[in-house]
N, C-alpha and C. Protein backbone atom coordinates (compact mmCIF):
# COMPACT_ATOMS: atom_id res chain seq x y z
N MET A 1 153.33 147.01 107.18
CA MET A 1 154.20 146.79 106.05
C MET A 1 153.67 145.73 105.10
N THR A 2 152.84 144.83 105.58
CA THR A 2 152.32 143.80 104.70
C THR A 2 151.39 144.40 103.65
N LEU A 3 150.75 145.53 103.98
CA LEU A 3 149.86 146.18 103.02
C LEU A 3 150.63 146.68 101.81
N LEU A 4 151.86 147.15 102.03
CA LEU A 4 152.67 147.65 100.93
C LEU A 4 153.03 146.53 99.95
N ARG A 5 153.27 145.34 100.45
CA ARG A 5 153.63 144.23 99.58
C ARG A 5 152.40 143.61 98.91
N LYS A 6 151.24 143.75 99.54
CA LYS A 6 150.06 143.04 99.09
C LYS A 6 149.46 143.60 97.80
N GLY A 7 149.36 144.90 97.69
CA GLY A 7 148.68 145.51 96.55
C GLY A 7 149.61 145.78 95.37
N PRO A 8 149.02 145.92 94.20
CA PRO A 8 149.82 146.23 93.00
C PRO A 8 150.12 147.73 92.91
N TRP A 9 150.95 148.23 93.83
CA TRP A 9 151.28 149.65 93.88
C TRP A 9 151.90 150.14 92.58
N TRP A 10 152.66 149.27 91.94
CA TRP A 10 153.34 149.65 90.71
C TRP A 10 152.34 150.08 89.64
N LEU A 11 151.14 149.50 89.65
CA LEU A 11 150.14 149.82 88.64
C LEU A 11 149.66 151.26 88.78
N GLY A 12 149.34 151.67 89.99
CA GLY A 12 148.92 153.06 90.23
C GLY A 12 150.02 154.04 89.88
N LEU A 13 151.24 153.71 90.26
CA LEU A 13 152.37 154.58 89.94
C LEU A 13 152.62 154.64 88.44
N ALA A 14 152.42 153.54 87.73
CA ALA A 14 152.61 153.52 86.28
C ALA A 14 151.57 154.40 85.59
N VAL A 15 150.33 154.39 86.08
CA VAL A 15 149.29 155.23 85.48
C VAL A 15 149.61 156.70 85.73
N ILE A 16 150.07 157.04 86.92
CA ILE A 16 150.46 158.41 87.22
C ILE A 16 151.63 158.82 86.33
N PHE A 17 152.60 157.94 86.14
CA PHE A 17 153.75 158.24 85.29
C PHE A 17 153.32 158.48 83.85
N MET A 18 152.40 157.64 83.33
CA MET A 18 151.92 157.84 81.96
C MET A 18 151.21 159.18 81.83
N GLY A 19 150.44 159.54 82.82
CA GLY A 19 149.77 160.84 82.81
C GLY A 19 150.76 161.98 82.84
N ALA A 20 151.82 161.84 83.63
CA ALA A 20 152.83 162.89 83.71
C ALA A 20 153.56 163.03 82.37
N VAL A 21 153.82 161.92 81.71
CA VAL A 21 154.48 161.97 80.39
C VAL A 21 153.58 162.68 79.40
N CYS A 22 152.29 162.36 79.38
CA CYS A 22 151.35 163.04 78.49
C CYS A 22 151.29 164.53 78.80
N PHE A 23 151.19 164.85 80.08
CA PHE A 23 151.11 166.26 80.46
C PHE A 23 152.37 167.01 80.06
N TYR A 24 153.54 166.40 80.26
CA TYR A 24 154.80 167.03 79.86
C TYR A 24 154.85 167.21 78.34
N ALA A 25 154.40 166.21 77.60
CA ALA A 25 154.41 166.29 76.13
C ALA A 25 153.47 167.40 75.65
N SER A 26 152.44 167.69 76.40
CA SER A 26 151.49 168.72 75.99
C SER A 26 152.12 170.11 75.99
N THR A 27 153.20 170.28 76.72
CA THR A 27 153.86 171.59 76.76
C THR A 27 154.51 171.91 75.42
N GLU A 28 154.76 170.91 74.60
CA GLU A 28 155.36 171.13 73.28
C GLU A 28 154.31 171.44 72.22
N LEU A 29 153.04 171.27 72.53
CA LEU A 29 151.96 171.49 71.58
C LEU A 29 151.22 172.78 71.91
N ALA A 30 150.66 173.38 70.88
CA ALA A 30 149.91 174.61 71.08
C ALA A 30 148.60 174.33 71.82
N ALA A 31 148.32 175.13 72.84
CA ALA A 31 147.07 174.95 73.58
C ALA A 31 145.91 175.61 72.84
N THR A 32 146.21 176.57 71.97
CA THR A 32 145.19 177.21 71.15
C THR A 32 145.65 177.16 69.70
N ALA A 33 144.72 177.37 68.79
CA ALA A 33 145.04 177.35 67.36
C ALA A 33 144.45 178.60 66.71
N GLN A 34 144.97 178.94 65.55
CA GLN A 34 144.51 180.15 64.86
C GLN A 34 143.06 180.00 64.39
N TYR A 35 142.69 178.82 63.96
CA TYR A 35 141.36 178.61 63.40
C TYR A 35 140.34 178.10 64.41
N ALA A 36 140.78 177.80 65.61
CA ALA A 36 139.86 177.29 66.63
C ALA A 36 140.30 177.83 67.99
N ALA A 37 139.38 177.82 68.91
CA ALA A 37 139.70 178.34 70.24
C ALA A 37 140.58 177.39 71.04
N ILE A 38 140.57 176.11 70.69
CA ILE A 38 141.38 175.14 71.42
C ILE A 38 142.30 174.42 70.43
N GLY A 39 143.44 174.01 70.92
CA GLY A 39 144.41 173.31 70.09
C GLY A 39 144.69 171.93 70.62
N PRO A 40 145.59 171.21 69.96
CA PRO A 40 145.87 169.83 70.36
C PRO A 40 146.51 169.70 71.73
N GLY A 41 147.25 170.70 72.15
CA GLY A 41 147.91 170.64 73.45
C GLY A 41 146.92 170.56 74.60
N LEU A 42 145.77 171.20 74.43
CA LEU A 42 144.75 171.18 75.49
C LEU A 42 144.24 169.76 75.72
N PHE A 43 144.00 169.02 74.64
CA PHE A 43 143.49 167.66 74.78
C PHE A 43 144.53 166.74 75.42
N VAL A 44 145.78 166.87 75.00
CA VAL A 44 146.84 166.02 75.56
C VAL A 44 147.04 166.35 77.04
N ALA A 45 146.97 167.64 77.39
CA ALA A 45 147.10 168.03 78.80
C ALA A 45 145.93 167.48 79.62
N ALA A 46 144.72 167.55 79.07
CA ALA A 46 143.56 167.03 79.79
C ALA A 46 143.67 165.52 79.99
N ILE A 47 144.13 164.81 78.98
CA ILE A 47 144.31 163.36 79.11
C ILE A 47 145.38 163.06 80.16
N GLY A 48 146.47 163.81 80.14
CA GLY A 48 147.53 163.61 81.14
C GLY A 48 147.03 163.85 82.55
N LEU A 49 146.29 164.94 82.75
CA LEU A 49 145.74 165.22 84.09
C LEU A 49 144.75 164.15 84.50
N GLY A 50 143.93 163.69 83.55
CA GLY A 50 142.97 162.64 83.84
C GLY A 50 143.66 161.34 84.25
N LEU A 51 144.71 160.97 83.53
CA LEU A 51 145.46 159.76 83.90
C LEU A 51 146.09 159.88 85.28
N MET A 52 146.65 161.05 85.58
CA MET A 52 147.25 161.23 86.90
C MET A 52 146.18 161.12 87.99
N GLY A 53 145.01 161.69 87.75
CA GLY A 53 143.92 161.58 88.72
C GLY A 53 143.46 160.14 88.90
N LEU A 54 143.34 159.41 87.78
CA LEU A 54 142.96 158.00 87.88
C LEU A 54 144.01 157.17 88.60
N GLY A 55 145.29 157.51 88.40
CA GLY A 55 146.36 156.81 89.11
C GLY A 55 146.28 157.02 90.61
N VAL A 56 145.97 158.26 91.01
CA VAL A 56 145.80 158.55 92.44
C VAL A 56 144.62 157.78 93.01
N LEU A 57 143.50 157.76 92.27
CA LEU A 57 142.33 156.99 92.73
C LEU A 57 142.66 155.50 92.83
N LEU A 58 143.43 154.99 91.90
CA LEU A 58 143.83 153.59 91.95
C LEU A 58 144.70 153.31 93.18
N LEU A 59 145.62 154.22 93.49
CA LEU A 59 146.44 154.06 94.70
C LEU A 59 145.59 154.09 95.96
N ILE A 60 144.57 154.93 95.97
CA ILE A 60 143.66 154.99 97.12
C ILE A 60 142.93 153.66 97.28
N GLN A 61 142.45 153.09 96.17
CA GLN A 61 141.77 151.80 96.23
C GLN A 61 142.72 150.71 96.73
N ILE A 62 143.95 150.74 96.28
CA ILE A 62 144.93 149.74 96.71
C ILE A 62 145.20 149.90 98.21
N ALA A 63 145.32 151.15 98.67
CA ALA A 63 145.58 151.40 100.10
C ALA A 63 144.41 150.91 100.96
N ARG A 64 143.20 150.98 100.45
CA ARG A 64 142.02 150.52 101.18
C ARG A 64 141.90 149.00 101.18
N GLY A 65 142.74 148.33 100.40
CA GLY A 65 142.71 146.88 100.37
C GLY A 65 141.75 146.29 99.35
N GLU A 66 141.34 147.09 98.38
CA GLU A 66 140.43 146.60 97.34
C GLU A 66 141.07 145.43 96.60
N VAL A 67 140.28 144.39 96.39
CA VAL A 67 140.75 143.20 95.68
C VAL A 67 140.33 143.34 94.22
N PHE A 68 141.29 143.19 93.33
CA PHE A 68 141.02 143.33 91.91
C PHE A 68 140.85 141.95 91.29
N GLU A 69 139.61 141.59 91.06
CA GLU A 69 139.28 140.31 90.44
C GLU A 69 138.41 140.58 89.22
N PRO A 70 138.56 139.77 88.19
CA PRO A 70 137.74 140.00 86.99
C PRO A 70 136.26 139.72 87.25
N ASP A 71 135.41 140.53 86.62
CA ASP A 71 133.97 140.29 86.69
C ASP A 71 133.63 139.14 85.76
N GLU A 72 132.43 138.58 85.94
CA GLU A 72 131.99 137.49 85.07
C GLU A 72 131.89 137.94 83.62
N ALA A 73 131.52 139.20 83.41
CA ALA A 73 131.36 139.71 82.05
C ALA A 73 132.70 139.86 81.33
N GLU A 74 133.82 139.89 82.05
CA GLU A 74 135.12 140.07 81.43
C GLU A 74 135.65 138.80 80.79
N ASN A 75 135.04 137.66 81.08
CA ASN A 75 135.43 136.39 80.47
C ASN A 75 136.91 136.09 80.72
N ALA A 76 137.34 136.24 81.96
CA ALA A 76 138.74 136.00 82.32
C ALA A 76 138.80 134.97 83.44
N ALA A 77 139.83 134.15 83.42
CA ALA A 77 140.04 133.16 84.48
C ALA A 77 140.88 133.80 85.57
N PRO A 78 140.33 133.94 86.79
CA PRO A 78 141.03 134.68 87.85
C PRO A 78 142.36 134.07 88.27
N GLY A 79 142.52 132.78 88.27
CA GLY A 79 143.75 132.18 88.75
C GLY A 79 144.80 131.95 87.68
N GLN A 80 144.49 132.27 86.45
CA GLN A 80 145.40 132.00 85.35
C GLN A 80 146.45 133.10 85.23
N PRO A 81 147.72 132.74 84.94
CA PRO A 81 148.75 133.76 84.80
C PRO A 81 148.57 134.58 83.51
N MET A 82 149.19 135.74 83.50
CA MET A 82 149.11 136.63 82.35
C MET A 82 149.76 135.99 81.13
N ASP A 83 149.16 136.18 79.97
CA ASP A 83 149.73 135.70 78.72
C ASP A 83 150.78 136.72 78.28
N LYS A 84 152.03 136.44 78.59
CA LYS A 84 153.11 137.39 78.31
C LYS A 84 153.32 137.61 76.81
N ARG A 85 153.11 136.57 76.04
CA ARG A 85 153.29 136.71 74.59
C ARG A 85 152.26 137.70 74.03
N ALA A 86 151.01 137.58 74.44
CA ALA A 86 149.98 138.50 73.98
C ALA A 86 150.25 139.91 74.48
N PHE A 87 150.69 140.05 75.71
CA PHE A 87 150.98 141.38 76.27
C PHE A 87 152.09 142.06 75.48
N PHE A 88 153.19 141.36 75.22
CA PHE A 88 154.31 141.98 74.51
C PHE A 88 153.99 142.21 73.04
N THR A 89 153.11 141.41 72.46
CA THR A 89 152.67 141.66 71.09
C THR A 89 151.86 142.94 71.02
N ALA A 90 150.96 143.15 71.98
CA ALA A 90 150.17 144.38 72.04
C ALA A 90 151.06 145.58 72.35
N LEU A 91 152.06 145.39 73.20
CA LEU A 91 153.00 146.47 73.49
C LEU A 91 153.77 146.85 72.24
N LEU A 92 154.19 145.87 71.46
CA LEU A 92 154.88 146.15 70.20
C LEU A 92 153.97 146.91 69.25
N ALA A 93 152.68 146.57 69.23
CA ALA A 93 151.73 147.28 68.38
C ALA A 93 151.62 148.74 68.78
N ALA A 94 151.79 149.05 70.05
CA ALA A 94 151.75 150.44 70.51
C ALA A 94 153.04 151.18 70.18
N ILE A 95 154.15 150.47 70.08
CA ILE A 95 155.45 151.09 69.80
C ILE A 95 155.67 151.28 68.31
N VAL A 96 155.12 150.41 67.48
CA VAL A 96 155.34 150.45 66.03
C VAL A 96 155.08 151.82 65.42
N PRO A 97 153.97 152.52 65.75
CA PRO A 97 153.76 153.83 65.12
C PRO A 97 154.88 154.84 65.36
N ALA A 98 155.42 154.85 66.55
CA ALA A 98 156.50 155.79 66.85
C ALA A 98 157.74 155.50 66.00
N LEU A 99 157.94 154.25 65.64
CA LEU A 99 159.13 153.86 64.90
C LEU A 99 158.96 153.90 63.39
N THR A 100 157.73 153.79 62.90
CA THR A 100 157.55 153.58 61.46
C THR A 100 156.71 154.62 60.73
N ILE A 101 155.98 155.48 61.40
CA ILE A 101 155.02 156.33 60.71
C ILE A 101 155.68 157.29 59.73
N GLU A 102 156.84 157.83 60.06
CA GLU A 102 157.51 158.76 59.14
C GLU A 102 158.05 158.04 57.92
N THR A 103 158.51 156.83 58.09
CA THR A 103 159.09 156.08 56.98
C THR A 103 158.04 155.38 56.14
N LEU A 104 157.08 154.73 56.79
CA LEU A 104 156.09 153.93 56.07
C LEU A 104 154.80 154.67 55.77
N GLY A 105 154.49 155.72 56.53
CA GLY A 105 153.23 156.42 56.36
C GLY A 105 152.14 155.82 57.23
N LEU A 106 151.03 156.56 57.34
CA LEU A 106 149.94 156.12 58.22
C LEU A 106 149.30 154.79 57.80
N PRO A 107 148.95 154.59 56.53
CA PRO A 107 148.27 153.34 56.18
C PRO A 107 149.08 152.08 56.49
N ALA A 108 150.37 152.07 56.12
CA ALA A 108 151.19 150.89 56.37
C ALA A 108 151.44 150.70 57.86
N THR A 109 151.62 151.79 58.59
CA THR A 109 151.82 151.70 60.03
C THR A 109 150.56 151.17 60.71
N ALA A 110 149.39 151.67 60.29
CA ALA A 110 148.13 151.18 60.85
C ALA A 110 147.94 149.71 60.53
N MET A 111 148.37 149.29 59.34
CA MET A 111 148.25 147.90 58.93
C MET A 111 149.05 147.00 59.89
N LEU A 112 150.29 147.39 60.17
CA LEU A 112 151.14 146.59 61.07
C LEU A 112 150.59 146.58 62.49
N SER A 113 150.19 147.74 62.99
CA SER A 113 149.67 147.82 64.36
C SER A 113 148.37 147.03 64.50
N PHE A 114 147.49 147.14 63.53
CA PHE A 114 146.22 146.40 63.58
C PHE A 114 146.48 144.91 63.60
N MET A 115 147.39 144.45 62.76
CA MET A 115 147.71 143.02 62.70
C MET A 115 148.28 142.53 64.03
N LEU A 116 149.16 143.33 64.64
CA LEU A 116 149.75 142.93 65.91
C LEU A 116 148.72 142.87 67.03
N VAL A 117 147.82 143.85 67.08
CA VAL A 117 146.78 143.84 68.12
C VAL A 117 145.83 142.66 67.90
N ALA A 118 145.47 142.42 66.64
CA ALA A 118 144.60 141.27 66.36
C ALA A 118 145.28 139.97 66.76
N ARG A 119 146.57 139.87 66.51
CA ARG A 119 147.34 138.67 66.88
C ARG A 119 147.37 138.53 68.40
N ALA A 120 147.54 139.66 69.12
CA ALA A 120 147.55 139.61 70.59
C ALA A 120 146.23 139.11 71.14
N PHE A 121 145.12 139.41 70.43
CA PHE A 121 143.80 138.95 70.87
C PHE A 121 143.46 137.57 70.33
N GLY A 122 144.41 136.91 69.68
CA GLY A 122 144.22 135.53 69.28
C GLY A 122 143.88 135.28 67.83
N SER A 123 143.89 136.30 66.99
CA SER A 123 143.57 136.11 65.58
C SER A 123 144.69 135.33 64.89
N LYS A 124 144.31 134.42 64.03
CA LYS A 124 145.28 133.64 63.25
C LYS A 124 145.21 134.00 61.77
N ARG A 125 144.39 134.99 61.41
CA ARG A 125 144.20 135.37 60.01
C ARG A 125 145.12 136.54 59.66
N LEU A 126 146.38 136.25 59.43
CA LEU A 126 147.40 137.27 59.20
C LEU A 126 147.07 138.15 58.01
N VAL A 127 146.77 137.56 56.87
CA VAL A 127 146.51 138.34 55.65
C VAL A 127 145.25 139.19 55.81
N ALA A 128 144.18 138.62 56.36
CA ALA A 128 142.94 139.38 56.55
C ALA A 128 143.16 140.55 57.51
N ASP A 129 143.95 140.33 58.56
CA ASP A 129 144.23 141.41 59.52
C ASP A 129 145.07 142.51 58.88
N LEU A 130 146.04 142.13 58.06
CA LEU A 130 146.85 143.13 57.35
C LEU A 130 145.99 143.95 56.40
N ILE A 131 145.10 143.30 55.68
CA ILE A 131 144.23 144.01 54.74
C ILE A 131 143.28 144.94 55.50
N ALA A 132 142.69 144.46 56.59
CA ALA A 132 141.78 145.29 57.39
C ALA A 132 142.51 146.52 57.93
N GLY A 133 143.74 146.33 58.43
CA GLY A 133 144.51 147.45 58.94
C GLY A 133 144.87 148.45 57.85
N LEU A 134 145.21 147.95 56.68
CA LEU A 134 145.55 148.83 55.56
C LEU A 134 144.32 149.63 55.11
N VAL A 135 143.18 148.98 55.03
CA VAL A 135 141.95 149.67 54.62
C VAL A 135 141.58 150.75 55.65
N LEU A 136 141.60 150.40 56.93
CA LEU A 136 141.27 151.39 57.97
C LEU A 136 142.27 152.54 58.00
N GLY A 137 143.55 152.22 57.87
CA GLY A 137 144.57 153.26 57.84
C GLY A 137 144.46 154.15 56.61
N GLY A 138 144.17 153.54 55.46
CA GLY A 138 144.00 154.32 54.23
C GLY A 138 142.80 155.24 54.30
N ILE A 139 141.68 154.72 54.81
CA ILE A 139 140.49 155.56 54.97
C ILE A 139 140.78 156.71 55.92
N SER A 140 141.47 156.43 57.03
CA SER A 140 141.81 157.48 57.99
C SER A 140 142.69 158.55 57.34
N TRP A 141 143.67 158.12 56.55
CA TRP A 141 144.58 159.06 55.88
C TRP A 141 143.80 159.97 54.94
N PHE A 142 142.88 159.40 54.15
CA PHE A 142 142.09 160.20 53.22
C PHE A 142 141.13 161.13 53.94
N VAL A 143 140.49 160.65 55.01
CA VAL A 143 139.54 161.50 55.75
C VAL A 143 140.27 162.67 56.41
N PHE A 144 141.41 162.40 57.03
CA PHE A 144 142.15 163.50 57.65
C PHE A 144 142.64 164.48 56.60
N GLY A 145 143.07 163.99 55.44
CA GLY A 145 143.45 164.88 54.35
C GLY A 145 142.29 165.71 53.86
N TRP A 146 141.11 165.11 53.78
CA TRP A 146 139.91 165.82 53.37
C TRP A 146 139.55 166.91 54.37
N LEU A 147 139.84 166.66 55.65
CA LEU A 147 139.58 167.65 56.70
C LEU A 147 140.65 168.74 56.75
N GLY A 148 141.68 168.60 55.93
CA GLY A 148 142.73 169.61 55.88
C GLY A 148 143.93 169.34 56.76
N LEU A 149 144.02 168.16 57.36
CA LEU A 149 145.16 167.82 58.21
C LEU A 149 146.14 166.98 57.41
N GLN A 150 147.37 167.39 57.37
CA GLN A 150 148.40 166.67 56.62
C GLN A 150 149.08 165.65 57.53
N LEU A 151 149.02 164.40 57.12
CA LEU A 151 149.61 163.32 57.91
C LEU A 151 150.85 162.74 57.23
N GLY A 152 151.44 163.50 56.34
CA GLY A 152 152.60 163.00 55.61
C GLY A 152 152.15 162.24 54.37
N GLY A 153 153.11 161.60 53.73
CA GLY A 153 152.81 160.86 52.52
C GLY A 153 152.01 159.59 52.79
N PHE A 154 151.30 159.12 51.76
CA PHE A 154 150.53 157.88 51.88
C PHE A 154 151.48 156.71 52.11
N PHE A 155 152.53 156.63 51.30
CA PHE A 155 153.58 155.61 51.46
C PHE A 155 154.91 156.26 51.09
N PRO A 156 155.55 156.96 52.06
CA PRO A 156 156.75 157.75 51.78
C PRO A 156 157.90 156.98 51.11
N LEU A 157 158.06 155.71 51.41
CA LEU A 157 159.15 154.95 50.78
C LEU A 157 159.01 154.89 49.26
N ALA A 158 157.77 154.88 48.79
CA ALA A 158 157.53 154.81 47.35
C ALA A 158 157.36 156.20 46.75
N GLY A 159 157.50 157.23 47.57
CA GLY A 159 157.34 158.60 47.08
C GLY A 159 155.89 159.01 46.86
N VAL A 160 154.97 158.30 47.45
CA VAL A 160 153.54 158.61 47.30
C VAL A 160 153.04 159.35 48.52
């Protein structure tokens, strides 16, 4: 019973759960497309299956008693507690697109997410991060439009 308490079992189960959510979401997407042999659903299903497989492998490593310590190349202090502020800032950056993309559009949503991720990694340059996110999001919006994929308006609130 001590083995069950010792390892981070929740982590393996969380990876399997994320994979299952992706796989379930893939059922709503087309697996094939009219203009191509494969569609977006195939990629989401493959990612979901891959995550579930990785979660199982992680549980196997935990059951074997593998110790998870950072490598020297990771530049992490092994005994230091998790930076909860940085974690929740990055989590918010992952949630922002689901909440804002239809209202704000891709460029503004990318701007906010980029700024939040940069802040989670320790950046203090708020304006520079916002500009970088807006430029990357704008370029992405134009490139996808050029490829024929419609991502909604550039800035729907302004009618653009």
